[in-house]
């Protein structure tokens, strides 16, 4: 059973406030909350009933120790070398859980694409644009929201890039 009550949307309060600040308050009524965690893209896709690639993962990396957010479709992996080249960094690594929480204010598995504690550089993989709607975390591992990829990229302040791993 999912909850879509707009008064208790299931979104993290900080994310709900960010929606209001961005003039996106109407999205609160479209947030879906699930009793079981949707920490992974596969769990979220199964709960929503959508394709894995329609999930937008919000992933924090460290580029020369500076946090950067990468938005990636749920069926793809981030190519760290491509991110490094895009940013002109010496080294890019996956951020540790404490860095993710300090940077975004959210725990891994619930990081939304915007509404973070700290403003970071944001890269969005073009693969997200293959869908009419994508689903992203609403600040906790139990809640997701739908948005057009174009709007998501715009509200996240993201630069469109090609940073997904290429399969041979």
C-alpha atoms as a PDB file:
ATOM      1  CA  UNK A   1       0.000   0.000   0.000  1.00  0.00           C
ATOM      2  CA  UNK A   2       1.293   3.450  -0.854  1.00  0.00           C
ATOM      3  CA  UNK A   3       0.437   6.698   0.818  1.00  0.00           C
ATOM      4  CA  UNK A   4      -0.135   9.796  -1.290  1.00  0.00           C
ATOM      5  CA  UNK A   5      -1.845  12.037   1.273  1.00  0.00           C
ATOM      6  CA  UNK A   6      -0.557  15.552   0.619  1.00  0.00           C
ATOM      7  CA  UNK A   7      -0.679  16.574   4.279  1.00  0.00           C
ATOM      8  CA  UNK A   8       1.660  13.760   5.243  1.00  0.00           C
ATOM      9  CA  UNK A   9       3.490  13.141   2.006  1.00  0.00           C
ATOM     10  CA  UNK A  10       6.152  10.886   3.440  1.00  0.00           C
ATOM     11  CA  UNK A  11       8.868  13.201   2.185  1.00  0.00           C
ATOM     12  CA  UNK A  12      11.670  14.244   4.495  1.00  0.00           C
ATOM     13  CA  UNK A  13      10.639  17.604   6.036  1.00  0.00           C
ATOM     14  CA  UNK A  14      13.700  19.360   4.548  1.00  0.00           C
ATOM     15  CA  UNK A  15      12.836  18.041   1.103  1.00  0.00           C
ATOM     16  CA  UNK A  16       9.168  19.047   1.503  1.00  0.00           C
ATOM     17  CA  UNK A  17      10.363  22.563   2.419  1.00  0.00           C
ATOM     18  CA  UNK A  18      12.679  22.592  -0.625  1.00  0.00           C
ATOM     19  CA  UNK A  19       9.721  21.726  -2.866  1.00  0.00           C
ATOM     20  CA  UNK A  20       7.797  24.675  -1.436  1.00  0.00           C
ATOM     21  CA  UNK A  21      10.791  27.010  -1.847  1.00  0.00           C
ATOM     22  CA  UNK A  22      11.124  25.979  -5.489  1.00  0.00           C
ATOM     23  CA  UNK A  23       7.416  26.536  -6.139  1.00  0.00           C
ATOM     24  CA  UNK A  24       6.872  22.789  -6.488  1.00  0.00           C
ATOM     25  CA  UNK A  25       4.484  22.328  -3.557  1.00  0.00           C
ATOM     26  CA  UNK A  26       2.003  20.505  -5.792  1.00  0.00           C
ATOM     27  CA  UNK A  27       4.503  17.629  -6.022  1.00  0.00           C
ATOM     28  CA  UNK A  28       3.931  16.852  -2.343  1.00  0.00           C
ATOM     29  CA  UNK A  29       0.618  15.253  -3.290  1.00  0.00           C
ATOM     30  CA  UNK A  30       2.332  13.022  -5.845  1.00  0.00           C
ATOM     31  CA  UNK A  31       4.952  11.608  -3.470  1.00  0.00           C
ATOM     32  CA  UNK A  32       4.513   7.905  -2.904  1.00  0.00           C
ATOM     33  CA  UNK A  33       5.469   6.373   0.411  1.00  0.00           C
ATOM     34  CA  UNK A  34       6.110   2.664   0.773  1.00  0.00           C
ATOM     35  CA  UNK A  35       6.081   0.563   3.943  1.00  0.00           C
ATOM     36  CA  UNK A  36       9.248  -1.220   2.835  1.00  0.00           C
ATOM     37  CA  UNK A  37      12.415   0.683   2.047  1.00  0.00           C
ATOM     38  CA  UNK A  38      13.168   1.572  -1.564  1.00  0.00           C
ATOM     39  CA  UNK A  39      16.867   2.136  -0.860  1.00  0.00           C
ATOM     40  CA  UNK A  40      18.067   0.667  -4.135  1.00  0.00           C
ATOM     41  CA  UNK A  41      16.936   1.526  -7.641  1.00  0.00           C
ATOM     42  CA  UNK A  42      15.697  -2.056  -8.091  1.00  0.00           C
ATOM     43  CA  UNK A  43      13.602  -1.879  -4.889  1.00  0.00           C
ATOM     44  CA  UNK A  44      12.137   1.472  -5.960  1.00  0.00           C
ATOM     45  CA  UNK A  45      11.302   0.260  -9.489  1.00  0.00           C
ATOM     46  CA  UNK A  46       9.618  -2.870  -8.104  1.00  0.00           C
ATOM     47  CA  UNK A  47       7.566  -0.859  -5.597  1.00  0.00           C
ATOM     48  CA  UNK A  48       6.502   1.741  -8.190  1.00  0.00           C
ATOM     49  CA  UNK A  49       5.978  -0.734 -11.004  1.00  0.00           C
ATOM     50  CA  UNK A  50       8.234   1.074 -13.470  1.00  0.00           C
ATOM     51  CA  UNK A  51      11.326   0.228 -15.481  1.00  0.00           C
ATOM     52  CA  UNK A  52      14.634   0.283 -13.604  1.00  0.00           C
ATOM     53  CA  UNK A  53      15.916   2.996 -15.975  1.00  0.00           C
ATOM     54  CA  UNK A  54      13.008   5.271 -14.900  1.00  0.00           C
ATOM     55  CA  UNK A  55      14.566   5.602 -11.443  1.00  0.00           C
ATOM     56  CA  UNK A  56      16.850   8.600 -10.937  1.00  0.00           C
ATOM     57  CA  UNK A  57      19.702   7.751  -8.591  1.00  0.00           C
ATOM     58  CA  UNK A  58      21.253  10.702  -6.713  1.00  0.00           C
ATOM     59  CA  UNK A  59      24.853   9.692  -6.039  1.00  0.00           C
ATOM     60  CA  UNK A  60      27.508  11.684  -4.220  1.00  0.00           C
ATOM     61  CA  UNK A  61      31.131  11.365  -5.303  1.00  0.00           C
ATOM     62  CA  UNK A  62      34.284  13.108  -4.141  1.00  0.00           C
ATOM     63  CA  UNK A  63      36.190  14.866  -6.923  1.00  0.00           C
ATOM     64  CA  UNK A  64      39.568  15.749  -5.423  1.00  0.00           C
ATOM     65  CA  UNK A  65      37.746  15.579  -2.044  1.00  0.00           C
ATOM     66  CA  UNK A  66      35.028  18.055  -3.179  1.00  0.00           C
ATOM     67  CA  UNK A  67      31.524  16.523  -3.143  1.00  0.00           C
ATOM     68  CA  UNK A  68      29.696  16.353  -6.482  1.00  0.00           C
ATOM     69  CA  UNK A  69      26.211  14.991  -7.158  1.00  0.00           C
ATOM     70  CA  UNK A  70      25.660  12.707 -10.144  1.00  0.00           C
ATOM     71  CA  UNK A  71      22.114  11.957 -11.296  1.00  0.00           C
ATOM     72  CA  UNK A  72      22.009   8.613 -13.098  1.00  0.00           C
ATOM     73  CA  UNK A  73      19.291   6.341 -14.412  1.00  0.00           C
ATOM     74  CA  UNK A  74      18.653   3.303 -12.240  1.00  0.00           C
ATOM     75  CA  UNK A  75      19.815   0.712 -14.746  1.00  0.00           C
ATOM     76  CA  UNK A  76      23.234   2.276 -15.352  1.00  0.00           C
ATOM     77  CA  UNK A  77      26.466   2.678 -13.450  1.00  0.00           C
ATOM     78  CA  UNK A  78      28.550   5.837 -13.221  1.00  0.00           C
ATOM     79  CA  UNK A  79      31.873   5.733 -15.058  1.00  0.00           C
ATOM     80  CA  UNK A  80      34.256   7.421 -12.611  1.00  0.00           C
ATOM     81  CA  UNK A  81      36.796   8.120 -15.337  1.00  0.00           C
ATOM     82  CA  UNK A  82      34.188   9.989 -17.379  1.00  0.00           C
ATOM     83  CA  UNK A  83      33.197  12.012 -14.291  1.00  0.00           C
ATOM     84  CA  UNK A  84      36.867  12.765 -13.620  1.00  0.00           C
ATOM     85  CA  UNK A  85      37.350  13.989 -17.199  1.00  0.00           C
ATOM     86  CA  UNK A  86      34.135  16.030 -17.117  1.00  0.00           C
ATOM     87  CA  UNK A  87      35.223  17.798 -13.924  1.00  0.00           C
ATOM     88  CA  UNK A  88      38.913  18.047 -14.766  1.00  0.00           C
ATOM     89  CA  UNK A  89      39.669  16.361 -11.442  1.00  0.00           C
ATOM     90  CA  UNK A  90      42.722  14.317 -10.519  1.00  0.00           C
ATOM     91  CA  UNK A  91      40.704  11.645  -8.707  1.00  0.00           C
ATOM     92  CA  UNK A  92      37.018  10.770  -8.291  1.00  0.00           C
ATOM     93  CA  UNK A  93      35.804   8.296  -5.683  1.00  0.00           C
ATOM     94  CA  UNK A  94      32.479   7.283  -4.201  1.00  0.00           C
ATOM     95  CA  UNK A  95      31.774   9.466  -1.151  1.00  0.00           C
ATOM     96  CA  UNK A  96      31.590   7.771   2.240  1.00  0.00           C
ATOM     97  CA  UNK A  97      28.232   7.658   4.038  1.00  0.00           C
ATOM     98  CA  UNK A  98      29.191  10.401   6.516  1.00  0.00           C
ATOM     99  CA  UNK A  99      30.212  12.736   3.674  1.00  0.00           C
ATOM    100  CA  UNK A 100      26.905  12.048   1.890  1.00  0.00           C
ATOM    101  CA  UNK A 101      24.939  12.930   5.037  1.00  0.00           C
ATOM    102  CA  UNK A 102      27.059  16.027   5.823  1.00  0.00           C
ATOM    103  CA  UNK A 103      26.775  17.301   2.246  1.00  0.00           C
ATOM    104  CA  UNK A 104      23.132  16.530   1.523  1.00  0.00           C
ATOM    105  CA  UNK A 105      21.486  16.168   4.938  1.00  0.00           C
ATOM    106  CA  UNK A 106      20.105  12.794   3.853  1.00  0.00           C
ATOM    107  CA  UNK A 107      21.152   9.160   4.253  1.00  0.00           C
ATOM    108  CA  UNK A 108      22.262   7.001   1.328  1.00  0.00           C
ATOM    109  CA  UNK A 109      19.176   5.424  -0.221  1.00  0.00           C
ATOM    110  CA  UNK A 110      17.053   8.519   0.325  1.00  0.00           C
ATOM    111  CA  UNK A 111      19.103  11.326  -1.249  1.00  0.00           C
ATOM    112  CA  UNK A 112      16.883  13.493  -3.465  1.00  0.00           C
ATOM    113  CA  UNK A 113      18.186  15.315  -6.562  1.00  0.00           C
ATOM    114  CA  UNK A 114      17.842  18.744  -4.872  1.00  0.00           C
ATOM    115  CA  UNK A 115      17.064  20.284  -1.472  1.00  0.00           C
ATOM    116  CA  UNK A 116      20.489  19.535   0.019  1.00  0.00           C
ATOM    117  CA  UNK A 117      22.225  21.194   2.970  1.00  0.00           C
ATOM    118  CA  UNK A 118      25.184  22.225   0.820  1.00  0.00           C
ATOM    119  CA  UNK A 119      25.157  23.469  -2.760  1.00  0.00           C
ATOM    120  CA  UNK A 120      27.275  21.134  -4.884  1.00  0.00           C
ATOM    121  CA  UNK A 121      28.118  20.783  -8.532  1.00  0.00           C
ATOM    122  CA  UNK A 122      25.528  18.538 -10.205  1.00  0.00           C
ATOM    123  CA  UNK A 123      25.998  16.350 -13.258  1.00  0.00           C
ATOM    124  CA  UNK A 124      23.012  14.581 -14.864  1.00  0.00           C
ATOM    125  CA  UNK A 125      23.516  11.753 -17.308  1.00  0.00           C
ATOM    126  CA  UNK A 126      21.664  12.214 -20.605  1.00  0.00           C
ATOM    127  CA  UNK A 127      20.162   8.723 -20.241  1.00  0.00           C
ATOM    128  CA  UNK A 128      17.545  10.242 -17.921  1.00  0.00           C
ATOM    129  CA  UNK A 129      16.085  12.154 -20.885  1.00  0.00           C
ATOM    130  CA  UNK A 130      14.947   8.909 -22.542  1.00  0.00           C
ATOM    131  CA  UNK A 131      11.837   8.882 -20.326  1.00  0.00           C
ATOM    132  CA  UNK A 132       8.729  11.030 -20.020  1.00  0.00           C
ATOM    133  CA  UNK A 133       8.870  10.757 -16.213  1.00  0.00           C
ATOM    134  CA  UNK A 134      11.525   9.585 -13.775  1.00  0.00           C
ATOM    135  CA  UNK A 135      11.181   8.750 -10.079  1.00  0.00           C
ATOM    136  CA  UNK A 136      13.611  10.053  -7.459  1.00  0.00           C
ATOM    137  CA  UNK A 137      13.993   9.745  -3.692  1.00  0.00           C
ATOM    138  CA  UNK A 138      12.070  12.273  -1.600  1.00  0.00           C
ATOM    139  CA  UNK A 139      14.615  12.500   1.205  1.00  0.00           C
ATOM    140  CA  UNK A 140      14.198   9.084   2.823  1.00  0.00           C
ATOM    141  CA  UNK A 141      14.370   5.437   1.728  1.00  0.00           C
ATOM    142  CA  UNK A 142      10.568   5.036   1.859  1.00  0.00           C
ATOM    143  CA  UNK A 143       9.409   7.880  -0.393  1.00  0.00           C
ATOM    144  CA  UNK A 144       9.756   8.756  -4.078  1.00  0.00           C
ATOM    145  CA  UNK A 145       8.331  11.405  -6.382  1.00  0.00           C
ATOM    146  CA  UNK A 146       7.763  11.648 -10.148  1.00  0.00           C
ATOM    147  CA  UNK A 147       9.061  14.468 -12.332  1.00  0.00           C
ATOM    148  CA  UNK A 148       9.893  15.014 -15.972  1.00  0.00           C
ATOM    149  CA  UNK A 149      13.632  14.554 -16.451  1.00  0.00           C
ATOM    150  CA  UNK A 150      13.943  18.022 -17.966  1.00  0.00           C
ATOM    151  CA  UNK A 151      12.365  19.634 -14.888  1.00  0.00           C
ATOM    152  CA  UNK A 152      14.447  17.490 -12.560  1.00  0.00           C
ATOM    153  CA  UNK A 153      17.673  18.523 -14.306  1.00  0.00           C
ATOM    154  CA  UNK A 154      16.626  22.187 -14.228  1.00  0.00           C
ATOM    155  CA  UNK A 155      15.636  22.201 -10.527  1.00  0.00           C
ATOM    156  CA  UNK A 156      18.808  20.329  -9.575  1.00  0.00           C
ATOM    157  CA  UNK A 157      20.880  22.910 -11.462  1.00  0.00           C
ATOM    158  CA  UNK A 158      22.551  20.056 -13.294  1.00  0.00           C
ATOM    159  CA  UNK A 159      24.802  20.015 -16.328  1.00  0.00           C
ATOM    160  CA  UNK A 160      23.847  17.338 -18.859  1.00  0.00           C
ATOM    161  CA  UNK A 161      26.746  14.951 -19.495  1.00  0.00           C
ATOM    162  CA  UNK A 162      27.526  11.427 -20.674  1.00  0.00           C
ATOM    163  CA  UNK A 163      29.026   9.715 -17.650  1.00  0.00           C
ATOM    164  CA  UNK A 164      27.454   6.261 -17.607  1.00  0.00           C
ATOM    165  CA  UNK A 165      29.501   3.130 -18.034  1.00  0.00           C
ATOM    166  CA  UNK A 166      29.338   1.867 -21.576  1.00  0.00           C
ATOM    167  CA  UNK A 167      28.447  -1.793 -21.931  1.00  0.00           C
ATOM    168  CA  UNK A 168      30.206  -3.733 -24.624  1.00  0.00           C
END
